[in-house]
Amino acid sequence: MHFLYKLNLAFKYLTGHFRRYIFLLIALSFGFAVITVMSSLKEGMTQSVFRSSENHYAGHIFVFGMEKPSGFLLVNDDEKIIRAVEESGISPVRVVRRTSYFREGLLYFNGKAVRQKNVFGVDWEVEKEDFLNLQYVEGSAPENDLTGTNGILISELTAGELKVLKGDQLTLQVNTRTGQKNTGTFIVQGIIKDNSIFGSYKSFVDRRYLNQLLGMEVEQYSSLGLYFQDLRDIQEKTDRLYAVLKSRLAFSPPVHNKKELTFQMDRQWEGVRYFTIPLQVYVSQVADLLTAMELISYFLYVIMVLIVMLSISVTYSLILHERTVEIGTMQAIGLSIRNVRIILVMEASLLFLLAIAAGFLTALGVLRLISLFSFSWIPGFEIFMDKGKLTASFTVITILRNILVLMLAALPAVFIPSMLISKLNLSDSLSGGKV
């Protein structure tokens, strides 16, 4: 029997018995919608964390130096590091230099002070696109190059506590590399809306201006950030760079998570020792939280698949039982058992495709509804959101995986009853025999 003829028969039988299939269609659609919502939200939250950390730390792979006993982050050997990057063949698409001050910087305005967890000295021209993509409460990304100026970008929380607006003049107090206190004046160029753990109390100023306050040379900096187009083999690129650098500079042993990094940085040495790490090390603790959430989602995922599988099995068995006489008639007019089974499976497959389409549209609607709500009332949850909203991310691999999982759940629930009913004797089928 020709394939298209079998497909045509399957389509006619599906439309003819569509009312019987409504519950099964709802069960399949609902199951696919739920697992799609779960997987896409997990992907979206992971990407939001990665984007936030990428902006905060400025790169995907980092080379930074720490000077002891001062404890200052300091890179003295830029030329050697750049040459090693070239020789390693990892080919970054962008190189960013930053001076980072994590030593209790204080911003003063009208007699009030707010402690800054992070003060970053940036090269405005190099990172201009990154700042254009941030969300601002007031002001905007620097319209003009702020290199060599005293412009500053501060967080919304800092601005709120100091009660400052764009154009106000602030005083930043820091401890220099040699331990003295130093101050500089800055003009607020913009207020960044970022209430996540990365953005609550941080500010951005010109790198050379911050170097001057800290008593560093103009060409020195704290860390070199390397950006890449392809992020799938970041660890392998880190290892290749480390292999080249370790023979040229005083380097710490490789580290794989935040705990190991803290341990190595707490050790004692003289002079500058270098580290090279991927972004994943900085966010390893957040990654652990994501892993825990992922395990919970997998548990719910499995529960949903089992419920769908049970619903399909029971419902499809009842539908075939009601159609026993019809199936016996198909055999009586000359259709072989094999062709009957194929038509039944095709019929179920068409229903499956319809359920996938309906489930995907349902998932889009649910995700759209979720995106309208703010979850900022959950402490620390901002890190998982994009511009204050919970967003989803769809990848071809994830969608195909969801379809495959649902198909593997549906296949035995459809195939086994089809096998059983097609094995009935013709006389039993025509008399409405039980499966």
Protein backbone atom coordinates (compact mmCIF):
# COMPACT_ATOMS: atom_id res chain seq x y z
CA MET A 1 0.00 0.00 0.00
CA HIS A 2 1.37 3.41 -1.00
CA PHE A 3 2.66 5.63 1.83
CA LEU A 4 0.58 8.66 0.83
CA TYR A 5 -2.54 6.50 0.71
CA LYS A 6 -1.87 5.28 4.25
CA LEU A 7 -1.24 8.85 5.37
CA ASN A 8 -4.51 9.98 3.78
CA LEU A 9 -6.41 7.21 5.57
CA ALA A 10 -4.76 8.10 8.87
CA PHE A 11 -5.73 11.77 8.42
CA LYS A 12 -9.36 10.84 7.63
CA TYR A 13 -9.59 8.55 10.65
CA LEU A 14 -8.08 11.28 12.89
CA THR A 15 -10.53 13.94 11.73
CA GLY A 16 -13.41 11.49 11.88
CA HIS A 17 -12.67 10.58 15.49
CA PHE A 18 -11.33 13.96 16.56
CA ARG A 19 -13.84 14.36 19.39
CA ARG A 20 -12.50 11.18 20.98
CA TYR A 21 -8.99 12.56 20.76
CA ILE A 22 -9.68 15.94 22.39
CA PHE A 23 -8.61 14.86 25.89
CA LEU A 24 -5.51 13.16 24.52
CA LEU A 25 -4.65 16.29 22.52
CA ILE A 26 -5.05 18.46 25.63
CA ALA A 27 -2.86 16.11 27.70
CA LEU A 28 -0.09 16.08 25.11
CA SER A 29 -0.27 19.83 24.50
CA PHE A 30 -0.27 20.62 28.19
CA GLY A 31 2.67 18.32 28.85
CA PHE A 32 4.74 19.81 26.04
CA ALA A 33 3.82 23.35 27.11
CA VAL A 34 4.93 22.72 30.70
CA ILE A 35 8.29 21.16 29.84
CA THR A 36 8.91 23.88 27.23
CA VAL A 37 8.19 26.64 29.74
CA MET A 38 10.45 24.99 32.32
CA SER A 39 13.38 24.43 29.97
CA SER A 40 13.16 27.84 28.26
CA LEU A 41 12.98 29.72 31.57
CA LYS A 42 15.99 27.79 32.85
CA GLU A 43 17.92 28.66 29.69
CA GLY A 44 16.83 32.30 29.94
CA MET A 45 17.85 32.57 33.60
CA THR A 46 21.24 31.02 32.84
CA GLN A 47 21.84 33.48 30.01
CA SER A 48 20.80 36.42 32.22
CA VAL A 49 23.31 35.38 34.87
CA PHE A 50 25.99 35.05 32.22
CA ARG A 51 25.20 38.45 30.67
CA SER A 52 25.23 40.17 34.08
CA SER A 53 28.52 38.59 35.07
CA GLU A 54 29.99 39.25 31.62
CA ASN A 55 29.29 42.97 31.99
CA HIS A 56 30.44 43.06 35.60
CA TYR A 57 33.78 41.34 35.07
CA ALA A 58 34.29 42.43 31.42
CA GLY A 59 35.34 39.30 29.58
CA HIS A 60 35.12 35.53 29.18
CA ILE A 61 38.73 34.71 30.13
CA PHE A 62 40.80 36.83 32.51
CA VAL A 63 44.45 37.34 33.29
CA PHE A 64 45.05 39.36 36.44
CA GLY A 65 47.89 39.93 38.84
CA MET A 66 47.96 40.37 42.60
CA GLU A 67 50.74 42.21 44.36
CA LYS A 68 51.77 41.10 47.84
CA PRO A 69 52.00 42.28 50.55
CA SER A 70 49.85 45.24 49.40
CA GLY A 71 47.06 42.96 48.12
CA PHE A 72 46.48 45.25 45.12
CA LEU A 73 45.36 43.78 41.80
CA LEU A 74 48.13 44.81 39.46
CA VAL A 75 49.36 43.85 35.97
CA ASN A 76 52.88 45.00 35.11
CA ASP A 77 53.63 42.75 32.14
CA ASP A 78 51.06 43.69 29.52
CA GLU A 79 53.41 43.10 26.59
CA LYS A 80 54.30 39.56 27.69
CA ILE A 81 50.66 38.68 28.29
CA ILE A 82 49.50 39.99 24.90
CA ARG A 83 52.30 38.09 23.17
CA ALA A 84 51.24 34.91 25.00
CA VAL A 85 47.62 35.43 23.94
CA GLU A 86 48.75 35.65 20.31
CA GLU A 87 51.01 32.61 20.55
CA SER A 88 48.35 30.49 22.23
CA GLY A 89 46.13 30.85 19.16
CA ILE A 90 42.93 31.39 21.15
CA SER A 91 41.99 34.43 18.98
CA PRO A 92 39.85 36.71 21.18
CA VAL A 93 37.54 39.11 19.36
CA ARG A 94 38.15 41.87 21.91
CA VAL A 95 40.66 42.69 24.64
CA VAL A 96 39.61 44.85 27.62
CA ARG A 97 41.85 46.30 30.33
CA ARG A 98 40.35 47.34 33.64
CA THR A 99 41.58 48.71 36.94
CA SER A 100 39.49 47.24 39.75
CA TYR A 101 39.26 48.66 43.26
CA PHE A 102 37.59 46.37 45.81
CA ARG A 103 38.95 48.02 48.94
CA GLU A 104 36.04 49.93 50.48
CA GLY A 105 35.78 52.93 48.23
CA LEU A 106 33.53 55.69 49.61
CA LEU A 107 31.40 58.13 47.61
CA TYR A 108 30.55 61.40 49.39
CA PHE A 109 27.80 63.90 48.60
CA ASN A 110 26.56 66.70 50.88
CA GLY A 111 28.16 65.13 53.93
CA LYS A 112 26.73 61.65 53.35
CA ALA A 113 28.81 58.62 52.34
CA VAL A 114 27.96 55.34 50.59
CA ARG A 115 30.43 52.48 50.47
CA GLN A 116 31.21 51.09 47.02
CA LYS A 117 31.81 47.37 46.78
CA ASN A 118 33.39 47.79 43.33
CA VAL A 119 34.96 50.78 41.60
CA PHE A 120 35.99 49.96 38.05
CA GLY A 121 38.41 51.98 35.96
CA VAL A 122 37.44 51.38 32.32
CA ASP A 123 38.64 52.37 28.87
CA TRP A 124 35.48 54.14 27.71
CA GLU A 125 36.23 53.89 24.01
CA VAL A 126 36.90 50.13 24.15
CA GLU A 127 33.79 49.35 26.25
CA LYS A 128 31.43 51.90 24.72
CA GLU A 129 29.07 49.31 23.20
CA ASP A 130 28.74 47.50 26.54
CA PHE A 131 27.60 50.67 28.31
CA LEU A 132 25.17 51.53 25.51
CA ASN A 133 23.35 48.24 26.25
CA LEU A 134 22.83 48.97 29.95
CA GLN A 135 19.53 50.23 31.37
CA TYR A 136 19.64 53.74 32.82
CA VAL A 137 17.38 55.41 35.38
CA GLU A 138 18.74 58.83 34.55
CA GLY A 139 21.19 59.99 31.95
CA SER A 140 22.58 57.50 29.46
CA ALA A 141 25.73 55.89 28.23
CA PRO A 142 28.42 58.52 27.72
CA GLU A 143 27.62 60.34 24.48
CA ASN A 144 31.23 61.55 24.28
CA ASP A 145 34.42 59.68 25.01
CA LEU A 146 35.09 60.17 28.74
CA THR A 147 38.72 59.08 28.51
CA GLY A 148 40.84 61.39 30.67
CA THR A 149 37.77 63.04 32.23
CA ASN A 150 36.21 62.72 35.68
CA GLY A 151 32.83 61.34 34.55
CA ILE A 152 31.30 58.59 36.66
CA LEU A 153 28.44 56.09 36.25
CA ILE A 154 26.83 54.96 39.51
CA SER A 155 24.13 52.47 40.48
CA GLU A 156 20.51 53.31 41.22
CA LEU A 157 20.89 52.24 44.86
CA THR A 158 23.92 54.48 45.35
CA ALA A 159 22.14 57.42 43.73
CA GLY A 160 19.08 56.86 45.90
CA GLU A 161 21.02 56.76 49.15
CA LEU A 162 23.08 59.83 48.28
CA LYS A 163 20.10 61.61 46.66
CA VAL A 164 22.15 62.66 43.64
CA LEU A 165 21.13 63.40 40.05
CA LYS A 166 22.95 63.53 36.77
CA GLY A 167 25.43 66.42 36.77
CA ASP A 168 26.04 66.39 40.53
CA GLN A 169 29.62 66.34 41.77
CA LEU A 170 30.74 63.46 44.01
CA THR A 171 33.92 62.83 45.98
CA LEU A 172 35.48 59.35 45.80
CA GLN A 173 37.80 58.27 48.61
CA VAL A 174 40.21 55.35 48.10
CA ASN A 175 43.32 53.89 49.70
CA THR A 176 46.38 54.16 47.51
CA ARG A 177 48.70 51.32 46.60
CA THR A 178 51.02 52.38 49.43
CA GLY A 179 48.24 52.70 52.03
CA GLN A 180 47.44 56.45 52.08
CA LYS A 181 43.95 57.84 51.67
CA ASN A 182 43.28 59.83 48.51
CA THR A 183 40.23 61.59 47.07
CA GLY A 184 39.04 62.71 43.66
CA THR A 185 36.00 64.58 42.40
CA PHE A 186 33.67 63.11 39.77
CA ILE A 187 30.64 64.35 37.81
CA VAL A 188 27.67 61.95 37.55
CA GLN A 189 27.16 61.11 33.86
CA GLY A 190 24.49 58.42 34.32
CA ILE A 191 22.65 56.28 36.86
CA ILE A 192 22.49 52.56 36.02
CA LYS A 193 19.40 50.52 36.82
CA ASP A 194 20.83 47.27 38.17
CA ASN A 195 19.70 45.96 41.54
CA SER A 196 21.34 42.55 41.19
CA ILE A 197 24.14 41.33 43.42
CA PHE A 198 26.54 42.44 40.69
CA GLY A 199 25.22 45.97 40.33
CA SER A 200 24.00 47.20 43.70
CA TYR A 201 27.05 49.19 44.80
CA LYS A 202 29.47 49.65 41.93
CA SER A 203 30.62 52.58 39.86
CA PHE A 204 32.60 53.17 36.67
CA VAL A 205 35.23 55.84 36.08
CA ASP A 206 38.05 56.43 33.61
CA ARG A 207 40.84 53.90 34.13
CA ARG A 208 43.68 56.39 33.94
CA TYR A 209 41.97 58.73 36.37
CA LEU A 210 41.47 55.87 38.85
CA ASN A 211 45.09 54.78 38.36
CA GLN A 212 46.19 58.27 39.38
CA LEU A 213 44.10 58.14 42.57
CA LEU A 214 45.46 54.70 43.47
CA GLY A 215 49.07 55.63 42.85
CA MET A 216 49.43 53.30 39.83
CA GLU A 217 51.25 54.01 36.59
CA VAL A 218 49.16 55.08 33.59
CA GLU A 219 49.84 51.86 31.64
CA GLN A 220 49.16 49.54 34.59
CA TYR A 221 45.81 47.86 35.23
CA SER A 222 44.23 45.11 37.33
CA SER A 223 42.95 42.57 34.84
CA LEU A 224 42.91 41.75 31.15
CA GLY A 225 39.56 40.49 29.88
CA LEU A 226 39.32 38.47 26.66
CA TYR A 227 36.02 38.21 24.77
CA PHE A 228 35.21 35.35 22.39
CA GLN A 229 32.56 34.71 19.77
CA ASP A 230 32.36 30.97 20.48
CA LEU A 231 31.92 30.20 24.19
CA ARG A 232 31.68 26.43 23.99
CA ASP A 233 35.38 25.74 24.69
CA ILE A 234 36.30 28.53 27.11
CA GLN A 235 37.96 26.16 29.58
CA GLU A 236 40.09 24.64 26.82
CA LYS A 237 41.15 28.14 25.69
CA THR A 238 42.00 29.03 29.30
CA ASP A 239 44.19 25.95 29.61
CA ARG A 240 46.01 26.77 26.36
CA LEU A 241 46.71 30.33 27.50
CA TYR A 242 47.88 29.13 30.91
CA ALA A 243 50.27 26.65 29.30
CA VAL A 244 52.00 29.50 27.44
CA LEU A 245 52.00 32.00 30.33
CA LYS A 246 53.18 29.81 33.20
CA SER A 247 56.71 29.55 31.82
CA ARG A 248 57.06 33.33 31.39
CA LEU A 249 55.54 34.84 34.53
CA ALA A 250 55.06 33.93 38.18
CA PHE A 251 51.72 32.12 38.01
CA SER A 252 49.33 30.60 40.51
CA PRO A 253 48.28 26.95 39.98
CA PRO A 254 45.08 26.49 37.89
CA VAL A 255 41.82 27.13 39.77
CA HIS A 256 38.40 25.72 38.88
CA ASN A 257 35.99 27.45 41.26
CA LYS A 258 35.63 30.46 43.53
CA LYS A 259 36.73 28.54 46.63
CA GLU A 260 40.03 27.50 45.02
CA LEU A 261 40.57 31.06 43.75
CA THR A 262 40.07 32.52 47.23
CA PHE A 263 42.46 29.97 48.73
CA GLN A 264 45.22 30.77 46.22
CA MET A 265 44.77 34.54 46.59
CA ASP A 266 45.05 34.27 50.39
CA ARG A 267 48.49 32.66 50.18
CA GLN A 268 51.60 34.72 50.90
CA TRP A 269 54.28 35.75 48.39
CA GLU A 270 56.41 38.72 47.43
CA GLY A 271 55.82 40.79 44.30
CA VAL A 272 53.19 40.12 41.63
CA ARG A 273 51.69 36.67 40.98
CA TYR A 274 49.35 36.10 38.06
CA PHE A 275 46.13 34.13 37.62
CA THR A 276 44.22 33.10 34.50
CA ILE A 277 40.62 31.96 34.90
CA PRO A 278 37.43 31.62 32.85
CA LEU A 279 34.29 33.58 33.72
CA GLN A 280 32.72 30.41 35.14
CA VAL A 281 35.09 30.58 38.13
CA TYR A 282 33.73 33.98 39.16
CA VAL A 283 30.13 32.76 38.96
CA SER A 284 30.70 29.21 40.25
CA GLN A 285 28.62 29.84 43.36
CA VAL A 286 25.72 31.19 41.31
CA ALA A 287 26.24 28.25 38.94
CA ASP A 288 25.74 25.90 41.92
CA LEU A 289 22.40 27.58 42.60
CA LEU A 290 21.45 27.19 38.94
CA THR A 291 22.42 23.52 39.11
CA ALA A 292 20.15 23.01 42.13
CA MET A 293 17.29 24.73 40.29
CA GLU A 294 18.03 22.61 37.25
CA LEU A 295 17.82 19.39 39.31
CA ILE A 296 14.44 20.50 40.67
CA SER A 297 13.25 21.28 37.15
CA TYR A 298 14.42 17.85 35.96
CA PHE A 299 12.44 16.21 38.76
CA LEU A 300 9.31 18.12 37.75
CA TYR A 301 10.17 17.36 34.13
CA VAL A 302 10.18 13.60 34.81
CA ILE A 303 6.96 13.79 36.83
CA MET A 304 5.23 15.63 33.99
CA VAL A 305 6.45 13.11 31.40
CA LEU A 306 5.19 10.19 33.52
CA ILE A 307 1.79 11.85 33.93
CA VAL A 308 1.57 12.43 30.18
CA MET A 309 2.65 8.85 29.46
CA LEU A 310 0.00 7.44 31.81
CA SER A 311 -2.69 9.72 30.37
CA ILE A 312 -1.82 8.70 26.82
CA SER A 313 -1.76 4.99 27.65
CA VAL A 314 -5.14 4.95 29.39
CA THR A 315 -6.89 7.32 26.97
CA TYR A 316 -5.54 5.72 23.78
CA SER A 317 -6.44 2.22 25.00
CA LEU A 318 -10.03 3.37 25.60
CA ILE A 319 -10.21 5.01 22.17
CA LEU A 320 -8.97 1.86 20.42
CA HIS A 321 -11.40 -0.28 22.41
CA GLU A 322 -14.28 1.89 21.18
CA ARG A 323 -12.99 1.43 17.62
CA THR A 324 -12.53 -2.36 17.76
CA VAL A 325 -15.28 -3.05 15.24
CA GLU A 326 -13.95 -0.39 12.89
CA ILE A 327 -10.45 -1.90 13.02
CA GLY A 328 -11.92 -5.35 12.38
CA THR A 329 -13.71 -3.92 9.34
CA MET A 330 -10.40 -2.54 8.04
CA GLN A 331 -8.97 -6.05 8.19
CA ALA A 332 -12.07 -7.55 6.62
CA ILE A 333 -11.81 -5.36 3.52
CA GLY A 334 -8.26 -6.57 2.91
CA LEU A 335 -5.88 -4.47 4.98
CA SER A 336 -3.09 -6.54 6.48
CA ILE A 337 -2.32 -6.43 10.20
CA ARG A 338 0.94 -4.64 9.39
CA ASN A 339 -0.87 -1.93 7.40
CA VAL A 340 -3.47 -1.51 10.16
CA ARG A 341 -0.69 -0.96 12.69
CA ILE A 342 1.06 1.53 10.41
CA ILE A 343 -2.15 3.51 9.87
CA LEU A 344 -2.84 3.61 13.62
CA VAL A 345 0.69 4.82 14.35
CA MET A 346 0.42 7.44 11.56
CA GLU A 347 -2.86 8.60 13.03
CA ALA A 348 -1.27 8.99 16.45
CA SER A 349 1.76 10.73 14.89
CA LEU A 350 -0.45 13.35 13.24
CA LEU A 351 -2.12 13.95 16.58
CA PHE A 352 1.33 14.22 18.19
CA LEU A 353 2.44 16.88 15.69
CA LEU A 354 -0.75 18.84 16.27
CA ALA A 355 -0.19 18.62 20.04
CA ILE A 356 3.41 19.86 19.68
CA ALA A 357 2.24 22.90 17.72
CA ALA A 358 -0.58 23.65 20.18
CA GLY A 359 1.72 23.09 23.16
CA PHE A 360 4.39 25.41 21.76
CA LEU A 361 1.84 28.19 21.16
CA THR A 362 0.51 27.67 24.69
CA ALA A 363 4.06 27.90 26.07
CA LEU A 364 4.63 31.17 24.20
CA GLY A 365 1.45 32.59 25.72
CA VAL A 366 2.41 31.51 29.24
CA LEU A 367 5.93 32.91 28.87
CA ARG A 368 4.52 36.17 27.57
CA LEU A 369 2.27 36.38 30.63
CA ILE A 370 5.18 35.62 32.98
CA SER A 371 7.25 38.37 31.37
CA LEU A 372 4.61 40.94 32.40
CA PHE A 373 5.20 40.30 36.10
CA SER A 374 8.04 41.70 38.19
CA PHE A 375 9.88 39.36 40.53
CA SER A 376 12.08 42.10 41.99
CA TRP A 377 10.42 41.56 45.40
CA ILE A 378 12.42 38.31 45.71
CA PRO A 379 15.80 39.27 47.26
CA GLY A 380 18.70 38.68 44.87
CA PHE A 381 16.46 37.38 42.09
CA GLU A 382 17.39 40.28 39.80
CA ILE A 383 20.48 38.40 38.69
CA PHE A 384 18.23 35.92 36.88
CA MET A 385 16.27 38.64 35.07
CA ASP A 386 16.92 40.79 32.04
CA LYS A 387 16.09 44.46 32.62
CA GLY A 388 13.83 43.54 35.52
CA LYS A 389 11.87 40.87 33.65
CA LEU A 390 12.06 37.08 33.66
CA THR A 391 12.84 36.07 30.09
CA ALA A 392 12.91 32.78 28.22
CA SER A 393 15.42 31.46 25.75
CA PHE A 394 14.63 28.96 23.00
CA THR A 395 17.35 26.87 21.40
CA VAL A 396 16.85 24.37 18.62
CA ILE A 397 18.60 21.67 20.65
CA THR A 398 16.34 22.22 23.68
CA ILE A 399 13.13 22.19 21.62
CA LEU A 400 14.22 19.03 19.76
CA ARG A 401 15.13 17.40 23.07
CA ASN A 402 11.68 18.19 24.51
CA ILE A 403 10.00 16.78 21.41
CA LEU A 404 12.14 13.64 21.56
CA VAL A 405 11.40 13.09 25.27
CA LEU A 406 7.66 13.47 24.73
CA MET A 407 7.82 11.21 21.68
CA LEU A 408 9.66 8.50 23.64
CA ALA A 409 7.01 8.77 26.33
CA ALA A 410 4.14 8.61 23.82
CA LEU A 411 5.54 5.88 21.57
CA PRO A 412 5.08 2.87 23.90
CA ALA A 413 1.76 4.26 25.13
CA VAL A 414 0.55 4.26 21.51
CA PHE A 415 2.39 1.32 20.00
CA ILE A 416 1.55 -1.31 22.64
CA PRO A 417 -2.27 -0.83 22.49
CA SER A 418 -2.06 -0.75 18.68
CA MET A 419 -0.18 -4.06 18.69
CA LEU A 420 -2.64 -5.65 21.06
CA ILE A 421 -5.78 -4.64 19.16
CA SER A 422 -4.35 -5.64 15.79
CA LYS A 423 -3.61 -9.14 17.13
CA LEU A 424 -7.31 -9.85 17.79
CA ASN A 425 -8.96 -12.44 15.61
CA LEU A 426 -11.14 -10.96 12.91
CA SER A 427 -14.27 -12.47 14.44
CA ASP A 428 -13.43 -11.02 17.86
CA SER A 429 -12.76 -7.60 16.37
CA LEU A 430 -16.01 -7.53 14.42
CA SER A 431 -17.92 -8.54 17.55
CA GLY A 432 -16.28 -5.73 19.58
CA GLY A 433 -13.95 -8.03 21.52
CA LYS A 434 -11.94 -6.65 24.42
CA VAL A 435 -8.27 -5.69 24.15
